[in-house]
Amino acid sequence: MKICQDRELGGSIPPLHTKKTKIRNIIMSDDKNKKGYQDKSKINTKEKYEMDYWKKELNVSSQQITGAVKATGSNSVKKIKEYLKNKK
């Protein structure tokens, strides 16, 4: 570990950031244990369980959902619903 030399502090102190610093308890946006607002407002087309849910909820195929995401440039449920509604 590198040591910072600071005369005013009277000695050696470890730096705040090193390559070996471990970051703990990071909440990822796709944390399957976290079922909050974020998960309800977005469609993750790469997760099978989400696609299965939204296919059933919107009564469309996975291809239609993927196409809507590409056409709108967004994975927002609101925008996808609006796009699919106008498409019918």
N, C-alpha and C. Protein backbone atom coordinates (compact mmCIF):
# COMPACT_ATOMS: atom_id res chain seq x y z
N MET A 1 0.84 -1.18 0.00
CA MET A 1 0.00 0.00 0.00
C MET A 1 0.89 1.24 0.00
N LYS A 2 0.54 2.20 -0.81
CA LYS A 2 1.29 3.45 -0.83
C LYS A 2 0.96 4.25 0.43
N ILE A 3 1.91 5.01 0.87
CA ILE A 3 1.72 5.83 2.06
C ILE A 3 1.90 7.29 1.68
N CYS A 4 0.98 8.13 2.13
CA CYS A 4 1.09 9.56 1.90
C CYS A 4 1.91 10.17 3.04
N GLN A 5 2.84 10.98 2.70
CA GLN A 5 3.66 11.66 3.70
C GLN A 5 3.11 13.07 3.90
N ASP A 6 2.63 13.37 5.08
CA ASP A 6 2.10 14.70 5.38
C ASP A 6 2.71 15.17 6.68
N ARG A 7 3.57 16.15 6.59
CA ARG A 7 4.29 16.63 7.77
C ARG A 7 3.35 17.25 8.80
N GLU A 8 2.31 17.96 8.32
CA GLU A 8 1.40 18.61 9.26
C GLU A 8 0.63 17.60 10.10
N LEU A 9 0.33 16.45 9.54
CA LEU A 9 -0.40 15.42 10.28
C LEU A 9 0.54 14.55 11.10
N GLY A 10 1.83 14.77 10.96
CA GLY A 10 2.78 14.10 11.82
C GLY A 10 3.07 12.66 11.46
N GLY A 11 3.06 12.32 10.21
CA GLY A 11 3.45 10.96 9.90
C GLY A 11 2.84 10.43 8.63
N SER A 12 2.75 9.13 8.60
CA SER A 12 2.28 8.43 7.41
C SER A 12 0.81 8.10 7.54
N ILE A 13 0.06 8.39 6.50
CA ILE A 13 -1.35 8.02 6.46
C ILE A 13 -1.63 7.33 5.14
N PRO A 14 -2.50 6.33 5.13
CA PRO A 14 -2.81 5.66 3.86
C PRO A 14 -3.64 6.57 2.97
N PRO A 15 -3.48 6.46 1.67
CA PRO A 15 -4.28 7.29 0.76
C PRO A 15 -5.74 6.85 0.80
N LEU A 16 -6.62 7.76 0.43
CA LEU A 16 -8.05 7.45 0.45
C LEU A 16 -8.44 6.46 -0.63
N HIS A 17 -7.79 6.53 -1.78
CA HIS A 17 -8.16 5.67 -2.90
C HIS A 17 -6.94 4.89 -3.36
N THR A 18 -7.05 3.59 -3.39
CA THR A 18 -6.00 2.74 -3.93
C THR A 18 -6.64 1.73 -4.86
N LYS A 19 -5.82 1.03 -5.58
CA LYS A 19 -6.35 -0.01 -6.47
C LYS A 19 -7.00 -1.13 -5.68
N LYS A 20 -6.58 -1.29 -4.43
CA LYS A 20 -7.11 -2.39 -3.62
C LYS A 20 -8.34 -1.99 -2.81
N THR A 21 -8.79 -0.74 -2.95
CA THR A 21 -9.96 -0.28 -2.22
C THR A 21 -11.17 -1.12 -2.63
N LYS A 22 -11.90 -1.62 -1.65
CA LYS A 22 -13.08 -2.42 -1.94
C LYS A 22 -14.32 -1.57 -1.73
N ILE A 23 -15.21 -1.63 -2.68
CA ILE A 23 -16.48 -0.91 -2.57
C ILE A 23 -17.54 -1.93 -2.22
N ARG A 24 -18.26 -1.67 -1.16
CA ARG A 24 -19.26 -2.62 -0.69
C ARG A 24 -20.66 -2.03 -0.78
N ASN A 25 -21.63 -2.91 -0.79
CA ASN A 25 -23.04 -2.53 -0.73
C ASN A 25 -23.47 -1.61 -1.86
N ILE A 26 -23.01 -1.89 -3.06
CA ILE A 26 -23.45 -1.12 -4.21
C ILE A 26 -24.79 -1.68 -4.67
N ILE A 27 -25.77 -0.83 -4.84
CA ILE A 27 -27.08 -1.25 -5.32
C ILE A 27 -27.10 -1.04 -6.82
N MET A 28 -27.19 -2.12 -7.56
CA MET A 28 -27.25 -2.04 -9.01
C MET A 28 -28.69 -1.73 -9.43
N SER A 29 -28.84 -1.13 -10.57
CA SER A 29 -30.17 -0.77 -11.03
C SER A 29 -31.03 -2.00 -11.33
N ASP A 30 -30.38 -3.12 -11.57
CA ASP A 30 -31.13 -4.33 -11.86
C ASP A 30 -31.02 -5.32 -10.70
N ASP A 31 -31.02 -4.82 -9.48
CA ASP A 31 -30.98 -5.66 -8.29
C ASP A 31 -32.33 -6.36 -8.18
N LYS A 32 -32.34 -7.67 -8.36
CA LYS A 32 -33.59 -8.42 -8.37
C LYS A 32 -34.29 -8.44 -7.01
N ASN A 33 -33.57 -8.07 -5.94
CA ASN A 33 -34.18 -8.00 -4.62
C ASN A 33 -34.86 -6.66 -4.39
N LYS A 34 -34.56 -5.68 -5.21
CA LYS A 34 -35.12 -4.35 -5.06
C LYS A 34 -36.23 -4.17 -6.08
N LYS A 35 -37.46 -4.14 -5.61
CA LYS A 35 -38.62 -4.00 -6.49
C LYS A 35 -39.26 -2.64 -6.29
N GLY A 36 -38.56 -1.61 -6.64
CA GLY A 36 -39.05 -0.26 -6.41
C GLY A 36 -39.57 0.39 -7.66
N TYR A 37 -39.74 1.70 -7.58
CA TYR A 37 -40.30 2.49 -8.67
C TYR A 37 -39.50 2.33 -9.95
N GLN A 38 -38.19 2.29 -9.83
CA GLN A 38 -37.34 2.21 -11.02
C GLN A 38 -37.65 0.96 -11.84
N ASP A 39 -37.83 -0.19 -11.17
CA ASP A 39 -38.12 -1.42 -11.90
C ASP A 39 -39.50 -1.39 -12.55
N LYS A 40 -40.42 -0.66 -11.99
CA LYS A 40 -41.78 -0.60 -12.54
C LYS A 40 -41.89 0.37 -13.71
N SER A 41 -40.96 1.28 -13.83
CA SER A 41 -41.09 2.30 -14.87
C SER A 41 -40.25 2.02 -16.11
N LYS A 42 -39.44 0.97 -16.08
CA LYS A 42 -38.57 0.63 -17.21
C LYS A 42 -38.75 -0.84 -17.59
N ILE A 43 -38.50 -1.13 -18.86
CA ILE A 43 -38.53 -2.51 -19.35
C ILE A 43 -37.12 -2.89 -19.74
N ASN A 44 -36.58 -3.91 -19.10
CA ASN A 44 -35.25 -4.41 -19.44
C ASN A 44 -35.44 -5.58 -20.40
N THR A 45 -35.20 -5.36 -21.67
CA THR A 45 -35.44 -6.38 -22.69
C THR A 45 -34.44 -7.53 -22.64
N LYS A 46 -33.38 -7.38 -21.85
CA LYS A 46 -32.38 -8.44 -21.75
C LYS A 46 -32.70 -9.46 -20.65
N GLU A 47 -33.70 -9.17 -19.82
CA GLU A 47 -34.10 -10.08 -18.74
C GLU A 47 -35.37 -10.83 -19.15
N LYS A 48 -35.27 -12.15 -19.22
CA LYS A 48 -36.39 -12.98 -19.66
C LYS A 48 -37.62 -12.80 -18.77
N TYR A 49 -37.41 -12.77 -17.45
CA TYR A 49 -38.55 -12.66 -16.54
C TYR A 49 -39.29 -11.32 -16.72
N GLU A 50 -38.55 -10.26 -17.06
CA GLU A 50 -39.21 -8.98 -17.31
C GLU A 50 -39.98 -9.01 -18.63
N MET A 51 -39.38 -9.59 -19.65
CA MET A 51 -40.06 -9.69 -20.93
C MET A 51 -41.33 -10.54 -20.80
N ASP A 52 -41.24 -11.64 -20.06
CA ASP A 52 -42.42 -12.48 -19.85
C ASP A 52 -43.54 -11.70 -19.16
N TYR A 53 -43.16 -10.92 -18.15
CA TYR A 53 -44.16 -10.11 -17.44
C TYR A 53 -44.81 -9.09 -18.37
N TRP A 54 -43.98 -8.34 -19.11
CA TRP A 54 -44.52 -7.27 -19.94
C TRP A 54 -45.27 -7.80 -21.16
N LYS A 55 -44.89 -8.97 -21.69
CA LYS A 55 -45.66 -9.59 -22.78
C LYS A 55 -47.08 -9.87 -22.31
N LYS A 56 -47.18 -10.42 -21.11
CA LYS A 56 -48.49 -10.75 -20.56
C LYS A 56 -49.27 -9.47 -20.21
N GLU A 57 -48.60 -8.53 -19.59
CA GLU A 57 -49.24 -7.28 -19.15
C GLU A 57 -49.76 -6.46 -20.33
N LEU A 58 -48.96 -6.39 -21.41
CA LEU A 58 -49.32 -5.57 -22.56
C LEU A 58 -50.02 -6.36 -23.66
N ASN A 59 -50.07 -7.68 -23.51
CA ASN A 59 -50.69 -8.57 -24.49
C ASN A 59 -50.07 -8.41 -25.88
N VAL A 60 -48.73 -8.46 -25.90
CA VAL A 60 -47.98 -8.35 -27.14
C VAL A 60 -46.84 -9.37 -27.13
N SER A 61 -46.15 -9.51 -28.24
CA SER A 61 -45.01 -10.42 -28.32
C SER A 61 -43.74 -9.72 -27.87
N SER A 62 -42.71 -10.51 -27.61
CA SER A 62 -41.43 -9.93 -27.21
C SER A 62 -40.82 -9.13 -28.36
N GLN A 63 -41.08 -9.57 -29.60
CA GLN A 63 -40.59 -8.82 -30.76
C GLN A 63 -41.22 -7.44 -30.84
N GLN A 64 -42.51 -7.36 -30.49
CA GLN A 64 -43.19 -6.07 -30.50
C GLN A 64 -42.61 -5.14 -29.44
N ILE A 65 -42.29 -5.68 -28.28
CA ILE A 65 -41.70 -4.86 -27.21
C ILE A 65 -40.32 -4.38 -27.63
N THR A 66 -39.51 -5.30 -28.15
CA THR A 66 -38.16 -4.94 -28.59
C THR A 66 -38.22 -3.90 -29.70
N GLY A 67 -39.14 -4.07 -30.63
CA GLY A 67 -39.32 -3.10 -31.71
C GLY A 67 -39.74 -1.74 -31.19
N ALA A 68 -40.62 -1.73 -30.20
CA ALA A 68 -41.07 -0.47 -29.62
C ALA A 68 -39.93 0.24 -28.89
N VAL A 69 -39.09 -0.52 -28.22
CA VAL A 69 -37.93 0.07 -27.53
C VAL A 69 -36.99 0.70 -28.56
N LYS A 70 -36.75 0.00 -29.65
CA LYS A 70 -35.87 0.54 -30.70
C LYS A 70 -36.50 1.75 -31.38
N ALA A 71 -37.79 1.69 -31.65
CA ALA A 71 -38.47 2.78 -32.36
C ALA A 71 -38.55 4.05 -31.51
N THR A 72 -38.79 3.90 -30.21
CA THR A 72 -38.91 5.07 -29.33
C THR A 72 -37.56 5.52 -28.80
N GLY A 73 -36.58 4.63 -28.82
CA GLY A 73 -35.27 4.96 -28.26
C GLY A 73 -35.30 5.02 -26.75
N SER A 74 -36.30 4.40 -26.16
CA SER A 74 -36.47 4.44 -24.71
C SER A 74 -37.01 3.10 -24.22
N ASN A 75 -36.69 2.76 -22.97
CA ASN A 75 -37.27 1.57 -22.37
C ASN A 75 -38.31 1.95 -21.30
N SER A 76 -38.80 3.17 -21.37
CA SER A 76 -39.82 3.65 -20.46
C SER A 76 -41.15 2.94 -20.75
N VAL A 77 -41.77 2.41 -19.71
CA VAL A 77 -43.04 1.71 -19.88
C VAL A 77 -44.08 2.66 -20.47
N LYS A 78 -44.10 3.89 -20.01
CA LYS A 78 -45.07 4.88 -20.51
C LYS A 78 -44.92 5.09 -22.02
N LYS A 79 -43.68 5.25 -22.49
CA LYS A 79 -43.44 5.48 -23.91
C LYS A 79 -43.75 4.23 -24.74
N ILE A 80 -43.41 3.07 -24.20
CA ILE A 80 -43.67 1.81 -24.91
C ILE A 80 -45.18 1.60 -25.05
N LYS A 81 -45.92 1.82 -23.96
CA LYS A 81 -47.38 1.66 -24.01
C LYS A 81 -47.99 2.61 -25.04
N GLU A 82 -47.54 3.85 -25.03
CA GLU A 82 -48.06 4.85 -25.97
C GLU A 82 -47.77 4.45 -27.41
N TYR A 83 -46.54 3.98 -27.66
CA TYR A 83 -46.15 3.57 -29.00
C TYR A 83 -47.00 2.39 -29.46
N LEU A 84 -47.16 1.39 -28.61
CA LEU A 84 -47.93 0.19 -28.97
C LEU A 84 -49.40 0.52 -29.18
N LYS A 85 -49.92 1.46 -28.39
CA LYS A 85 -51.33 1.88 -28.53
C LYS A 85 -51.55 2.53 -29.90
N ASN A 86 -50.63 3.39 -30.31
CA ASN A 86 -50.74 4.07 -31.60
C ASN A 86 -50.49 3.12 -32.77
N LYS A 87 -49.79 2.05 -32.52
CA LYS A 87 -49.45 1.08 -33.55
C LYS A 87 -50.63 0.20 -33.92
N LYS A 88 -51.54 -0.02 -32.98
CA LYS A 88 -52.69 -0.92 -33.21
C LYS A 88 -53.76 -0.30 -34.05
